[in-house]
Structure formats: structure tokens, C-alpha cells
């Protein structure tokens, strides 16, 4: 029987698990963080990617002048 794995990560990522953990802790009243911080494992990486993209666009714009 052939091995069906292709080396790609098909599972749940670390940040997704971290977010699920924070949500569970928040709903269980173990932590009293704001929902903004509970959801931070989702929005902080998106914000970083958007920032890198904008810096890249700025570099391209400066080089074209």
C-alpha cells in the first residue's frame, strides 16, 4: 500500500490551536482577557503580513521614481 502523505502540512496549525485554547479558557472564565487578545493569534499574523505587503509596495514605489 502506498503512503498517501505528501509532506505538506494538512493539520491544524499552531496559531489555530492557540486561538482555540484561548477561546476555551475565556469561555471557562479561566482568563478575563478582552476578546481582542483572545483572538490575537488570528489578527496579529494578518496584520504583520499586511504590514510587510505595504512596506513592499512602498519600496517598489520609491524605486520607480
N, C-alpha and C. Protein backbone atom coordinates (compact mmCIF):
# COMPACT_ATOMS: atom_id res chain seq x y z
N UNK A 1 0.85 -1.18 0.00
CA UNK A 1 0.00 0.00 0.00
C UNK A 1 0.89 1.24 0.00
N UNK A 2 0.57 2.19 -0.85
CA UNK A 2 1.38 3.40 -0.98
C UNK A 2 1.09 4.36 0.16
N UNK A 3 2.12 5.10 0.52
CA UNK A 3 1.98 6.11 1.56
C UNK A 3 1.29 7.33 0.95
N UNK A 4 0.18 7.75 1.55
CA UNK A 4 -0.61 8.84 0.96
C UNK A 4 -0.16 10.22 1.42
N UNK A 5 0.82 10.31 2.29
CA UNK A 5 1.28 11.63 2.73
C UNK A 5 2.21 12.21 1.68
N UNK A 6 2.11 13.50 1.50
CA UNK A 6 2.94 14.17 0.51
C UNK A 6 3.88 15.20 1.12
N UNK A 7 3.99 15.19 2.43
CA UNK A 7 4.91 16.10 3.10
C UNK A 7 4.35 17.47 3.39
N UNK A 8 3.15 17.75 2.93
CA UNK A 8 2.54 19.06 3.18
C UNK A 8 1.82 19.02 4.52
N UNK A 9 1.78 20.17 5.19
CA UNK A 9 1.09 20.26 6.47
C UNK A 9 -0.41 20.35 6.25
N UNK A 10 -1.12 19.29 6.52
CA UNK A 10 -2.56 19.28 6.32
C UNK A 10 -3.33 19.38 7.63
N UNK A 11 -2.62 19.52 8.71
CA UNK A 11 -3.28 19.56 10.01
C UNK A 11 -3.60 20.97 10.45
N UNK A 12 -4.03 21.07 11.68
CA UNK A 12 -4.34 22.36 12.28
C UNK A 12 -3.03 23.00 12.71
N UNK A 13 -2.89 24.28 12.43
CA UNK A 13 -1.66 24.99 12.75
C UNK A 13 -1.56 25.39 14.21
N UNK A 14 -0.37 25.79 14.60
CA UNK A 14 -0.11 26.18 15.99
C UNK A 14 -0.97 27.36 16.41
N UNK A 15 -1.09 28.37 15.55
CA UNK A 15 -1.86 29.55 15.91
C UNK A 15 -3.35 29.23 16.04
N UNK A 16 -3.84 28.32 15.22
CA UNK A 16 -5.25 27.91 15.34
C UNK A 16 -5.50 27.20 16.67
N UNK A 17 -4.58 26.33 17.04
CA UNK A 17 -4.72 25.64 18.33
C UNK A 17 -4.62 26.62 19.50
N UNK A 18 -3.72 27.58 19.36
CA UNK A 18 -3.57 28.58 20.41
C UNK A 18 -4.84 29.42 20.55
N UNK A 19 -5.43 29.78 19.42
CA UNK A 19 -6.67 30.55 19.45
C UNK A 19 -7.80 29.73 20.09
N UNK A 20 -7.91 28.46 19.73
CA UNK A 20 -8.92 27.60 20.32
C UNK A 20 -8.72 27.45 21.83
N UNK A 21 -7.46 27.35 22.24
CA UNK A 21 -7.16 27.27 23.67
C UNK A 21 -7.59 28.54 24.38
N UNK A 22 -7.25 29.70 23.81
CA UNK A 22 -7.65 30.97 24.42
C UNK A 22 -9.16 31.12 24.50
N UNK A 23 -9.85 30.70 23.44
CA UNK A 23 -11.32 30.78 23.45
C UNK A 23 -11.89 29.90 24.55
N UNK A 24 -11.37 28.70 24.67
CA UNK A 24 -11.84 27.79 25.74
C UNK A 24 -11.58 28.35 27.12
N UNK A 25 -10.40 28.91 27.32
CA UNK A 25 -10.08 29.50 28.62
C UNK A 25 -10.95 30.71 28.91
N UNK A 26 -11.25 31.50 27.88
CA UNK A 26 -12.10 32.68 28.07
C UNK A 26 -13.53 32.28 28.39
N UNK A 27 -14.06 31.29 27.66
CA UNK A 27 -15.42 30.85 27.91
C UNK A 27 -15.56 30.14 29.26
N UNK A 28 -14.47 29.52 29.71
CA UNK A 28 -14.48 28.85 31.01
C UNK A 28 -14.15 29.78 32.16
N UNK A 29 -14.04 31.06 31.90
CA UNK A 29 -13.72 32.07 32.91
C UNK A 29 -12.40 31.81 33.63
N UNK A 30 -11.46 31.18 32.94
CA UNK A 30 -10.12 30.98 33.49
C UNK A 30 -9.30 32.24 33.29
N UNK A 31 -9.49 32.88 32.15
CA UNK A 31 -8.83 34.16 31.87
C UNK A 31 -9.91 35.21 31.65
N UNK A 32 -9.58 36.45 31.93
CA UNK A 32 -10.55 37.54 31.77
C UNK A 32 -10.06 38.55 30.73
N UNK A 33 -9.31 38.06 29.76
CA UNK A 33 -8.79 38.94 28.72
C UNK A 33 -9.92 39.47 27.85
N UNK A 34 -9.65 40.58 27.21
CA UNK A 34 -10.56 41.11 26.20
C UNK A 34 -10.61 40.14 25.03
N UNK A 35 -11.74 40.13 24.33
CA UNK A 35 -11.86 39.26 23.16
C UNK A 35 -10.86 39.64 22.08
N UNK A 36 -10.40 40.89 22.05
CA UNK A 36 -9.36 41.29 21.10
C UNK A 36 -8.08 40.48 21.32
N UNK A 37 -7.71 40.25 22.59
CA UNK A 37 -6.50 39.50 22.88
C UNK A 37 -6.71 38.00 22.73
N UNK A 38 -7.91 37.55 22.98
CA UNK A 38 -8.21 36.13 22.79
C UNK A 38 -8.07 35.77 21.31
N UNK A 39 -8.52 36.67 20.45
CA UNK A 39 -8.46 36.41 19.01
C UNK A 39 -7.14 36.87 18.37
N UNK A 40 -6.20 37.33 19.17
CA UNK A 40 -4.93 37.84 18.67
C UNK A 40 -4.15 36.83 17.81
N UNK A 41 -4.17 35.53 18.10
CA UNK A 41 -3.45 34.61 17.21
C UNK A 41 -3.97 34.60 15.77
N UNK A 42 -5.14 35.16 15.54
CA UNK A 42 -5.66 35.26 14.18
C UNK A 42 -5.32 36.60 13.56
N UNK A 43 -5.54 37.71 14.29
CA UNK A 43 -5.38 39.01 13.65
C UNK A 43 -3.96 39.55 13.64
N UNK A 44 -3.13 39.16 14.59
CA UNK A 44 -1.75 39.70 14.59
C UNK A 44 -0.95 39.20 13.38
N UNK A 45 -0.98 37.90 13.04
CA UNK A 45 -0.25 37.49 11.82
C UNK A 45 -0.79 38.15 10.55
N UNK A 46 -2.11 38.34 10.47
CA UNK A 46 -2.67 39.03 9.31
C UNK A 46 -2.19 40.47 9.24
N UNK A 47 -2.11 41.12 10.38
CA UNK A 47 -1.62 42.49 10.44
C UNK A 47 -0.15 42.56 10.01
N UNK A 48 0.64 41.59 10.45
CA UNK A 48 2.05 41.56 10.06
C UNK A 48 2.22 41.35 8.56
N UNK A 49 1.44 40.45 7.98
CA UNK A 49 1.52 40.21 6.54
C UNK A 49 1.11 41.47 5.78
N UNK A 50 0.05 42.13 6.22
CA UNK A 50 -0.39 43.36 5.58
C UNK A 50 0.69 44.43 5.69
N UNK A 51 1.36 44.53 6.84
CA UNK A 51 2.44 45.50 7.01
C UNK A 51 3.61 45.23 6.09
N UNK A 52 4.00 43.97 5.96
CA UNK A 52 5.10 43.62 5.05
C UNK A 52 4.71 43.94 3.60
N UNK A 53 3.47 43.64 3.26
CA UNK A 53 2.97 43.95 1.91
C UNK A 53 3.03 45.45 1.63
N UNK A 54 2.59 46.26 2.59
CA UNK A 54 2.61 47.71 2.40
C UNK A 54 4.02 48.26 2.31
N UNK A 55 4.93 47.70 3.11
CA UNK A 55 6.33 48.13 3.02
C UNK A 55 6.89 47.76 1.65
N UNK A 56 6.55 46.58 1.17
CA UNK A 56 6.99 46.18 -0.17
C UNK A 56 6.47 47.10 -1.25
N UNK A 57 5.21 47.48 -1.14
CA UNK A 57 4.64 48.43 -2.11
C UNK A 57 5.35 49.78 -2.03
N UNK A 58 5.68 50.22 -0.84
CA UNK A 58 6.38 51.49 -0.67
C UNK A 58 7.77 51.43 -1.30
N UNK A 59 8.46 50.32 -1.12
CA UNK A 59 9.80 50.16 -1.70
C UNK A 59 9.71 50.18 -3.22
N UNK A 60 8.72 49.49 -3.76
CA UNK A 60 8.53 49.47 -5.23
C UNK A 60 8.22 50.88 -5.73
N UNK A 61 7.38 51.62 -5.01
CA UNK A 61 7.02 52.96 -5.44
C UNK A 61 8.23 53.90 -5.42
N UNK A 62 9.08 53.75 -4.41
CA UNK A 62 10.27 54.61 -4.31
C UNK A 62 11.26 54.27 -5.42
N UNK A 63 11.41 53.00 -5.74
CA UNK A 63 12.36 52.60 -6.78
C UNK A 63 11.92 53.04 -8.17
N UNK A 64 10.64 53.16 -8.39
CA UNK A 64 10.14 53.56 -9.72
C UNK A 64 10.33 55.04 -9.99
N UNK A 65 10.53 55.83 -8.94
CA UNK A 65 10.71 57.28 -9.13
C UNK A 65 12.07 57.61 -9.67
